[in-house]
């Protein structure tokens, strides 16, 4: 146990200078920092905002896994998606039902982002940000409106949140002895049961707030790591606008065993927001070196400019194209890339992404029983389009 605590302390003390904790606690946000390199993936830092939100002391949290905040109504599939993201060392966001120390459940927006070492590119920490998700009050629900109008109180804020909060009997008698008599009736309990089981979607403002918080945290970590010369990468999480890759979409894309990338059509310079494992093997790059980059980083001295211009023109007109272009791996060895690019539209018909499928075409002779490269590429395009449209269709229905 002592050796584990020593590792947890070293996780921070050896990489950042002494004032990093103080500076992080000056941030108003609720967040944790965990270390995936230590057995059990424990929390190595918890902000004051986090401790206040969940009701724990620092000693009760440090060294523990985030599982301690889950409860009987926490969605098992959401937990699986979070584990998948951590295993694949990628950022994600999800609405999650968690529990405070006193047992009260609440909905929150949960974003995680890997922190990379600049020296070797490995993931050294994960930052997790928690933003409570509030629901709009329902007009016509007089008992709930009365509680909200009272303000403050023990249960007033609880019923404004997207969760079922059950106050203790003693608190009820002290605060709302008569007013809550009808609210805690059988019918109201059934209504609350429905609310806790209904997932609450975060607003764009809440998502933007969470992303800004993560970037502020990363800026602090970068600053204090530079002083110890154990610098972390400036790689950022990409959670902008409609470009957020839902955890379910990431899971679906991960099943496609082909080299491809997904770029965000709505962002400046169309950064890569997803890259397959086969792509990393083909090019030799790591995830932290690819996400957020434009695809032209694969080009080199002998890449044909006219081919690049052809690709750019097709993207601007939202047309598909297939080219054979000379690209370069991380070790700068060239390879002929048989590349297909296609627009991917969401359920509303708007181009959300472009998918680029790469096949190493450096003098290979394909067996007659193999699918042709172009057919393989089209099958990937089809799979990606189905995944994107299914997800966006579900979210807008």
Protein backbone atom coordinates (compact mmCIF):
# COMPACT_ATOMS: atom_id res chain seq x y z
CA UNK A 1 0.00 0.00 0.00
CA UNK A 2 2.83 2.38 0.89
CA UNK A 3 4.59 1.66 -2.39
CA UNK A 4 1.34 2.44 -4.27
CA UNK A 5 0.98 5.77 -2.45
CA UNK A 6 4.60 6.54 -3.28
CA UNK A 7 3.95 5.95 -6.97
CA UNK A 8 0.90 8.22 -6.83
CA UNK A 9 2.89 11.05 -5.27
CA UNK A 10 5.73 10.59 -7.78
CA UNK A 11 3.23 10.66 -10.64
CA UNK A 12 2.92 14.37 -10.02
CA UNK A 13 6.00 15.41 -8.08
CA UNK A 14 8.56 14.07 -10.56
CA UNK A 15 6.92 15.58 -13.64
CA UNK A 16 5.71 18.98 -12.44
CA UNK A 17 7.10 21.62 -10.12
CA UNK A 18 5.71 22.06 -6.62
CA UNK A 19 3.13 24.80 -7.24
CA UNK A 20 1.22 22.83 -9.88
CA UNK A 21 -1.39 21.63 -7.36
CA UNK A 22 -1.97 25.13 -6.07
CA UNK A 23 -2.36 26.51 -9.59
CA UNK A 24 -4.72 23.72 -10.63
CA UNK A 25 -6.88 24.37 -7.57
CA UNK A 26 -7.23 27.99 -8.59
CA UNK A 27 -9.26 26.75 -11.55
CA UNK A 28 -13.00 26.69 -10.70
CA UNK A 29 -13.75 23.45 -12.54
CA UNK A 30 -14.52 19.96 -11.29
CA UNK A 31 -11.85 17.60 -12.63
CA UNK A 32 -9.56 14.70 -11.82
CA UNK A 33 -6.21 13.56 -13.20
CA UNK A 34 -5.54 9.82 -13.32
CA UNK A 35 -2.44 7.76 -14.09
CA UNK A 36 -3.00 4.76 -16.41
CA UNK A 37 0.59 3.60 -15.83
CA UNK A 38 -0.15 2.71 -12.18
CA UNK A 39 -2.07 -0.47 -11.41
CA UNK A 40 -5.77 0.24 -11.06
CA UNK A 41 -5.57 3.54 -12.97
CA UNK A 42 -5.92 5.63 -9.77
CA UNK A 43 -6.77 9.29 -9.30
CA UNK A 44 -3.56 11.22 -8.60
CA UNK A 45 -5.15 14.68 -8.40
CA UNK A 46 -8.68 15.87 -7.61
CA UNK A 47 -9.59 19.56 -7.82
CA UNK A 48 -11.36 21.43 -5.03
CA UNK A 49 -14.28 21.85 -7.42
CA UNK A 50 -14.50 18.08 -7.79
CA UNK A 51 -14.34 17.45 -4.04
CA UNK A 52 -17.08 20.01 -3.44
CA UNK A 53 -19.28 18.54 -6.15
CA UNK A 54 -18.99 14.93 -4.98
CA UNK A 55 -18.73 15.57 -1.22
CA UNK A 56 -15.50 13.62 -0.62
CA UNK A 57 -12.28 14.68 1.05
CA UNK A 58 -9.00 14.51 -0.84
CA UNK A 59 -7.78 11.54 1.21
CA UNK A 60 -10.91 9.58 0.32
CA UNK A 61 -10.35 10.06 -3.43
CA UNK A 62 -6.60 10.02 -4.14
CA UNK A 63 -5.46 6.52 -5.05
CA UNK A 64 -8.98 5.32 -5.87
CA UNK A 65 -10.41 4.41 -9.27
CA UNK A 66 -13.30 6.38 -10.80
CA UNK A 67 -15.52 3.34 -10.30
CA UNK A 68 -16.22 4.59 -6.77
CA UNK A 69 -18.56 7.26 -8.19
CA UNK A 70 -20.74 4.81 -10.09
CA UNK A 71 -23.91 3.32 -8.70
CA UNK A 72 -26.82 0.99 -9.41
CA UNK A 73 -28.36 3.22 -12.09
CA UNK A 74 -25.09 4.06 -13.90
CA UNK A 75 -25.37 2.77 -17.45
CA UNK A 76 -23.13 -0.27 -17.96
CA UNK A 77 -22.73 0.47 -21.67
CA UNK A 78 -21.44 3.97 -20.90
CA UNK A 79 -18.85 2.46 -18.57
CA UNK A 80 -17.78 0.08 -21.34
CA UNK A 81 -17.38 2.98 -23.78
CA UNK A 82 -15.22 4.89 -21.31
CA UNK A 83 -13.01 1.85 -20.78
CA UNK A 84 -12.72 1.43 -24.55
CA UNK A 85 -11.60 5.05 -24.95
CA UNK A 86 -8.99 4.67 -22.21
CA UNK A 87 -7.73 1.42 -23.72
CA UNK A 88 -7.40 3.12 -27.12
CA UNK A 89 -5.83 6.24 -25.54
CA UNK A 90 -8.28 8.70 -27.07
CA UNK A 91 -10.47 11.58 -25.95
CA UNK A 92 -14.21 11.16 -25.54
CA UNK A 93 -17.28 12.78 -24.02
CA UNK A 94 -20.43 11.16 -22.70
CA UNK A 95 -23.44 11.91 -20.49
CA UNK A 96 -23.08 9.85 -17.33
CA UNK A 97 -25.07 9.23 -14.15
CA UNK A 98 -22.77 9.35 -11.11
CA UNK A 99 -23.27 9.43 -7.36
CA UNK A 100 -22.18 11.76 -4.61
CA UNK A 101 -20.79 10.53 -1.29
CA UNK A 102 -24.24 10.83 0.32
CA UNK A 103 -25.66 8.53 -2.35
CA UNK A 104 -27.55 11.13 -4.37
CA UNK A 105 -27.32 10.52 -8.14
CA UNK A 106 -26.90 13.26 -10.73
CA UNK A 107 -26.34 13.56 -14.46
CA UNK A 108 -23.12 15.10 -15.72
CA UNK A 109 -21.20 15.66 -18.92
CA UNK A 110 -17.96 13.69 -18.65
CA UNK A 111 -15.01 14.47 -20.91
CA UNK A 112 -11.66 12.70 -20.79
CA UNK A 113 -8.49 13.61 -22.62
CA UNK A 114 -5.13 11.79 -22.72
CA UNK A 115 -1.97 13.68 -21.74
CA UNK A 116 1.06 12.66 -23.81
CA UNK A 117 4.74 12.77 -23.00
CA UNK A 118 6.56 14.89 -25.56
CA UNK A 119 9.67 12.73 -25.25
CA UNK A 120 8.28 9.34 -26.28
CA UNK A 121 4.61 10.00 -27.11
CA UNK A 122 3.20 7.66 -24.47
CA UNK A 123 0.10 8.53 -22.45
CA UNK A 124 1.12 9.53 -18.92
CA UNK A 125 -2.17 10.88 -17.55
CA UNK A 126 -5.85 11.31 -18.34
CA UNK A 127 -7.71 14.51 -17.50
CA UNK A 128 -11.39 14.01 -16.69
CA UNK A 129 -13.77 16.98 -16.46
CA UNK A 130 -17.26 16.82 -14.95
CA UNK A 131 -19.99 19.36 -15.74
CA UNK A 132 -23.44 18.90 -14.13
CA UNK A 133 -26.24 18.65 -16.68
CA UNK A 134 -29.36 20.58 -15.74
CA UNK A 135 -32.74 20.03 -17.31
CA UNK A 136 -35.27 22.70 -18.21
CA UNK A 137 -38.10 23.00 -15.69
CA UNK A 138 -41.37 21.51 -16.87
CA UNK A 139 -44.18 24.03 -17.15
CA UNK A 140 -47.30 22.92 -15.39
CA UNK A 141 -45.59 20.86 -12.69
CA UNK A 142 -46.67 23.10 -9.85
CA UNK A 143 -45.05 21.18 -7.03
CA UNK A 144 -41.67 21.25 -8.78
CA UNK A 145 -42.04 24.94 -9.70
CA UNK A 146 -42.78 25.82 -6.08
CA UNK A 147 -39.58 24.15 -4.96
CA UNK A 148 -37.59 25.97 -7.61
CA UNK A 149 -39.11 29.31 -6.66
CA UNK A 150 -38.19 28.77 -3.03
CA UNK A 151 -34.54 28.67 -4.18
CA UNK A 152 -31.67 27.34 -2.11
CA UNK A 153 -32.96 24.75 0.30
CA UNK A 154 -32.03 21.13 0.38
CA UNK A 155 -34.27 19.87 -2.38
CA UNK A 156 -34.91 23.01 -4.45
CA UNK A 157 -31.76 22.64 -6.52
CA UNK A 158 -32.12 18.88 -6.66
CA UNK A 159 -35.41 18.98 -8.51
CA UNK A 160 -34.01 21.50 -10.98
CA UNK A 161 -31.28 19.02 -11.91
CA UNK A 162 -31.65 16.17 -14.34
CA UNK A 163 -31.67 13.51 -11.68
CA UNK A 164 -33.74 11.92 -8.92
CA UNK A 165 -32.56 13.14 -5.55
CA UNK A 166 -34.09 11.57 -2.43
CA UNK A 167 -33.58 13.73 0.68
CA UNK A 168 -33.21 12.11 4.06
CA UNK A 169 -36.29 11.91 6.27
CA UNK A 170 -34.81 14.23 8.87
CA UNK A 171 -33.92 16.85 6.29
CA UNK A 172 -37.40 16.67 4.81
CA UNK A 173 -38.99 17.28 8.22
CA UNK A 174 -36.70 20.17 8.96
CA UNK A 175 -36.95 21.92 5.60
CA UNK A 176 -40.21 21.11 3.87
CA UNK A 177 -42.31 19.28 6.41
CA UNK A 178 -45.63 19.96 4.77
CA UNK A 179 -44.70 21.00 1.22
CA UNK A 180 -43.06 17.70 0.31
CA UNK A 181 -45.92 15.53 1.50
CA UNK A 182 -47.55 15.41 -1.89
CA UNK A 183 -44.32 15.37 -3.87
CA UNK A 184 -43.13 12.16 -2.25
CA UNK A 185 -46.38 10.45 -3.10
CA UNK A 186 -46.46 7.22 -5.07
CA UNK A 187 -47.05 9.03 -8.36
CA UNK A 188 -44.14 11.43 -7.83
CA UNK A 189 -41.81 8.58 -7.01
CA UNK A 190 -42.74 6.90 -10.25
CA UNK A 191 -42.07 10.16 -12.10
CA UNK A 192 -38.66 10.55 -10.43
CA UNK A 193 -37.81 6.95 -11.32
CA UNK A 194 -38.44 7.80 -14.98
CA UNK A 195 -36.24 10.93 -14.76
CA UNK A 196 -33.22 9.08 -13.41
CA UNK A 197 -33.49 6.52 -16.17
CA UNK A 198 -33.76 9.15 -18.91
CA UNK A 199 -30.35 10.19 -20.16
CA UNK A 200 -29.81 13.96 -20.21
CA UNK A 201 -27.95 15.47 -23.12
CA UNK A 202 -25.56 18.31 -22.40
CA UNK A 203 -26.01 21.60 -24.19
CA UNK A 204 -23.45 23.02 -26.60
CA UNK A 205 -22.61 25.63 -23.96
CA UNK A 206 -21.85 22.91 -21.40
CA UNK A 207 -19.73 21.01 -23.92
CA UNK A 208 -17.82 24.17 -24.79
CA UNK A 209 -17.30 24.87 -21.08
CA UNK A 210 -15.90 21.37 -20.52
CA UNK A 211 -13.54 21.62 -23.51
CA UNK A 212 -12.28 25.04 -22.40
CA UNK A 213 -11.64 23.64 -18.91
CA UNK A 214 -9.58 20.75 -20.28
CA UNK A 215 -7.50 23.09 -22.41
CA UNK A 216 -6.88 25.34 -19.38
CA UNK A 217 -5.76 22.32 -17.37
CA UNK A 218 -3.44 21.16 -20.14
CA UNK A 219 -1.92 24.65 -20.35
CA UNK A 220 -1.07 24.50 -16.62
CA UNK A 221 0.43 21.01 -16.95
CA UNK A 222 2.52 22.05 -19.94
CA UNK A 223 3.83 25.12 -18.12
CA UNK A 224 4.89 23.23 -14.99
CA UNK A 225 6.30 20.26 -16.91
CA UNK A 226 8.63 22.55 -18.86
CA UNK A 227 10.26 23.61 -15.59
CA UNK A 228 11.20 20.00 -14.81
CA UNK A 229 12.22 19.29 -18.43
CA UNK A 230 9.81 16.35 -18.49
CA UNK A 231 7.67 18.13 -21.02
CA UNK A 232 4.21 16.97 -21.98
CA UNK A 233 2.91 17.34 -25.52
CA UNK A 234 0.85 20.31 -26.62
CA UNK A 235 -1.54 17.89 -28.33
CA UNK A 236 -5.10 19.04 -27.58
CA UNK A 237 -8.44 17.29 -27.42
CA UNK A 238 -10.67 17.99 -30.40
CA UNK A 239 -14.24 18.55 -29.23
CA UNK A 240 -15.35 21.35 -31.56
CA UNK A 241 -18.87 21.94 -32.81
CA UNK A 242 -20.46 18.98 -34.57
CA UNK A 243 -17.09 17.29 -34.90
CA UNK A 244 -17.36 15.49 -31.58
CA UNK A 245 -17.03 11.80 -32.18
CA UNK A 246 -19.58 10.06 -30.06
CA UNK A 247 -18.25 7.09 -28.10
CA UNK A 248 -20.59 4.78 -30.01
CA UNK A 249 -19.23 6.08 -33.32
CA UNK A 250 -15.66 5.50 -32.17
CA UNK A 251 -16.61 1.96 -31.25
CA UNK A 252 -18.19 1.34 -34.67
CA UNK A 253 -15.22 2.81 -36.55
CA UNK A 254 -12.84 0.67 -34.52
CA UNK A 255 -14.37 -2.46 -36.04
CA UNK A 256 -13.29 -1.46 -39.56
CA UNK A 257 -9.98 -3.22 -40.20
CA UNK A 258 -8.58 -1.00 -42.93
CA UNK A 259 -6.27 2.00 -43.06
CA UNK A 260 -8.41 5.15 -43.05
CA UNK A 261 -8.80 8.56 -41.43
CA UNK A 262 -11.80 10.76 -40.78
CA UNK A 263 -11.40 14.53 -41.10
CA UNK A 264 -13.80 17.19 -39.85
CA UNK A 265 -15.38 19.12 -42.71
CA UNK A 266 -16.59 21.93 -40.42
CA UNK A 267 -13.23 22.90 -38.93
CA UNK A 268 -10.51 25.09 -40.35
CA UNK A 269 -7.87 23.04 -42.21
CA UNK A 270 -10.00 19.88 -41.82
CA UNK A 271 -8.07 18.18 -38.98
CA UNK A 272 -8.05 14.41 -38.54
CA UNK A 273 -10.46 13.45 -35.76
CA UNK A 274 -10.18 9.67 -36.15
CA UNK A 275 -7.48 7.35 -37.49
CA UNK A 276 -7.64 3.56 -37.58
CA UNK A 277 -5.09 1.25 -36.00
CA UNK A 278 -4.15 -0.02 -39.47
CA UNK A 279 -3.33 3.56 -40.49
CA UNK A 280 -0.87 3.86 -37.60
CA UNK A 281 0.80 0.60 -38.65
CA UNK A 282 1.00 1.70 -42.27
CA UNK A 283 2.51 5.12 -41.56
CA UNK A 284 4.47 4.47 -38.35
CA UNK A 285 2.95 7.48 -36.58
CA UNK A 286 1.40 7.48 -33.10
CA UNK A 287 -2.10 8.64 -32.30
CA UNK A 288 -0.89 11.84 -30.63
CA UNK A 289 1.07 12.73 -33.79
CA UNK A 290 -1.92 12.31 -36.10
CA UNK A 291 -5.07 13.62 -34.42
CA UNK A 292 -5.54 17.31 -35.14
CA UNK A 293 -3.23 17.26 -38.16
CA UNK A 294 -4.17 17.88 -41.78
CA UNK A 295 -3.53 14.88 -44.06
CA UNK A 296 -0.82 16.75 -45.98
CA UNK A 297 1.68 15.84 -43.24
CA UNK A 298 2.09 12.58 -45.21
CA UNK A 299 3.42 14.51 -48.21
CA UNK A 300 7.10 15.01 -48.96
CA UNK A 301 9.62 16.38 -51.41
CA UNK A 302 8.55 14.20 -54.35
CA UNK A 303 4.80 14.32 -53.80
CA UNK A 304 3.12 15.51 -57.00
CA UNK A 305 1.55 18.99 -56.48
CA UNK A 306 -0.94 18.43 -59.32
CA UNK A 307 -2.33 15.37 -57.52
CA UNK A 308 -2.67 17.40 -54.35
CA UNK A 309 -4.51 20.10 -56.28
CA UNK A 310 -6.87 17.48 -57.75
CA UNK A 311 -7.69 16.21 -54.25
CA UNK A 312 -8.28 19.72 -52.95
CA UNK A 313 -10.64 20.54 -55.82
CA UNK A 314 -12.69 17.40 -55.21
CA UNK A 315 -12.98 18.21 -51.50
CA UNK A 316 -14.10 21.77 -52.23
CA UNK A 317 -16.86 20.49 -54.53
CA UNK A 318 -17.73 17.65 -52.12
CA UNK A 319 -16.92 15.05 -54.78
CA UNK A 320 -15.28 11.66 -54.37
CA UNK A 321 -11.89 11.03 -55.93
CA UNK A 322 -9.31 8.25 -56.24
CA UNK A 323 -5.62 9.02 -56.78
CA UNK A 324 -2.23 7.33 -56.62
CA UNK A 325 0.02 9.63 -54.64
CA UNK A 326 3.53 9.37 -53.23
CA UNK A 327 3.38 9.65 -49.44
CA UNK A 328 5.93 9.26 -46.65
CA UNK A 329 5.96 7.28 -43.44
CA UNK A 330 7.25 8.66 -40.17
CA UNK A 331 10.75 7.30 -40.90
CA UNK A 332 10.52 9.19 -44.24
CA UNK A 333 10.45 6.06 -46.38
CA UNK A 334 8.17 6.72 -49.38
CA UNK A 335 5.26 4.54 -50.47
CA UNK A 336 2.70 4.78 -53.24
CA UNK A 337 -0.65 5.44 -51.63
CA UNK A 338 -3.71 4.29 -53.56
CA UNK A 339 -6.01 6.84 -51.90
CA UNK A 340 -9.77 7.21 -52.08
CA UNK A 341 -11.52 10.27 -50.58
CA UNK A 342 -15.26 10.54 -50.08
CA UNK A 343 -17.64 12.94 -48.35
CA UNK A 344 -19.64 11.56 -45.42
CA UNK A 345 -23.01 13.18 -44.79
CA UNK A 346 -25.03 13.12 -41.59
CA UNK A 347 -28.73 12.26 -41.34
CA UNK A 348 -29.71 15.78 -42.43
CA UNK A 349 -27.66 15.50 -45.64
CA UNK A 350 -24.90 17.91 -44.62
CA UNK A 351 -21.27 16.92 -45.18
CA UNK A 352 -19.90 16.26 -41.69
CA UNK A 353 -16.65 14.46 -42.51
CA UNK A 354 -14.37 13.31 -45.28
CA UNK A 355 -13.04 9.78 -45.13
CA UNK A 356 -9.70 8.93 -46.71
CA UNK A 357 -8.82 5.25 -47.26
CA UNK A 358 -5.17 4.35 -47.89
CA UNK A 359 -3.78 1.23 -49.54
CA UNK A 360 -0.05 0.68 -49.96
CA UNK A 361 0.29 0.30 -53.74
CA UNK A 362 4.06 0.05 -53.92
CA UNK A 363 4.36 -2.56 -56.67
CA UNK A 364 2.04 -5.12 -55.11
CA UNK A 365 0.44 -7.84 -57.20
CA UNK A 366 -3.00 -8.61 -55.84
CA UNK A 367 -4.15 -12.21 -55.81
CA UNK A 368 -7.13 -13.02 -58.01
CA UNK A 369 -9.15 -14.19 -55.02
CA UNK A 370 -8.67 -10.87 -53.23
CA UNK A 371 -11.10 -8.00 -53.54
CA UNK A 372 -9.72 -5.23 -55.71
CA UNK A 373 -8.30 -2.22 -53.84
CA UNK A 374 -11.11 0.03 -55.06
CA UNK A 375 -13.82 -2.39 -53.92
CA UNK A 376 -12.16 -2.59 -50.50
CA UNK A 377 -12.13 1.19 -50.31
CA UNK A 378 -15.79 1.49 -51.26
CA UNK A 379 -16.72 -1.04 -48.59
CA UNK A 380 -14.98 1.12 -45.97
CA UNK A 381 -16.78 4.22 -47.25
CA UNK A 382 -20.08 2.39 -46.93
CA UNK A 383 -19.35 1.22 -43.40
CA UNK A 384 -18.31 4.71 -42.26
CA UNK A 385 -21.40 6.31 -43.81
CA UNK A 386 -23.71 3.81 -42.14
CA UNK A 387 -22.05 4.45 -38.76
CA UNK A 388 -22.27 8.25 -39.06
CA UNK A 389 -25.83 8.35 -40.38
CA UNK A 390 -27.09 5.83 -37.84
CA UNK A 391 -25.64 7.86 -35.01
CA UNK A 392 -26.81 11.29 -36.23
CA UNK A 393 -30.18 9.86 -37.16
CA UNK A 394 -30.63 8.48 -33.68
CA UNK A 395 -29.65 11.75 -32.09
CA UNK A 396 -32.04 13.84 -34.15
CA UNK A 397 -35.02 11.51 -34.10
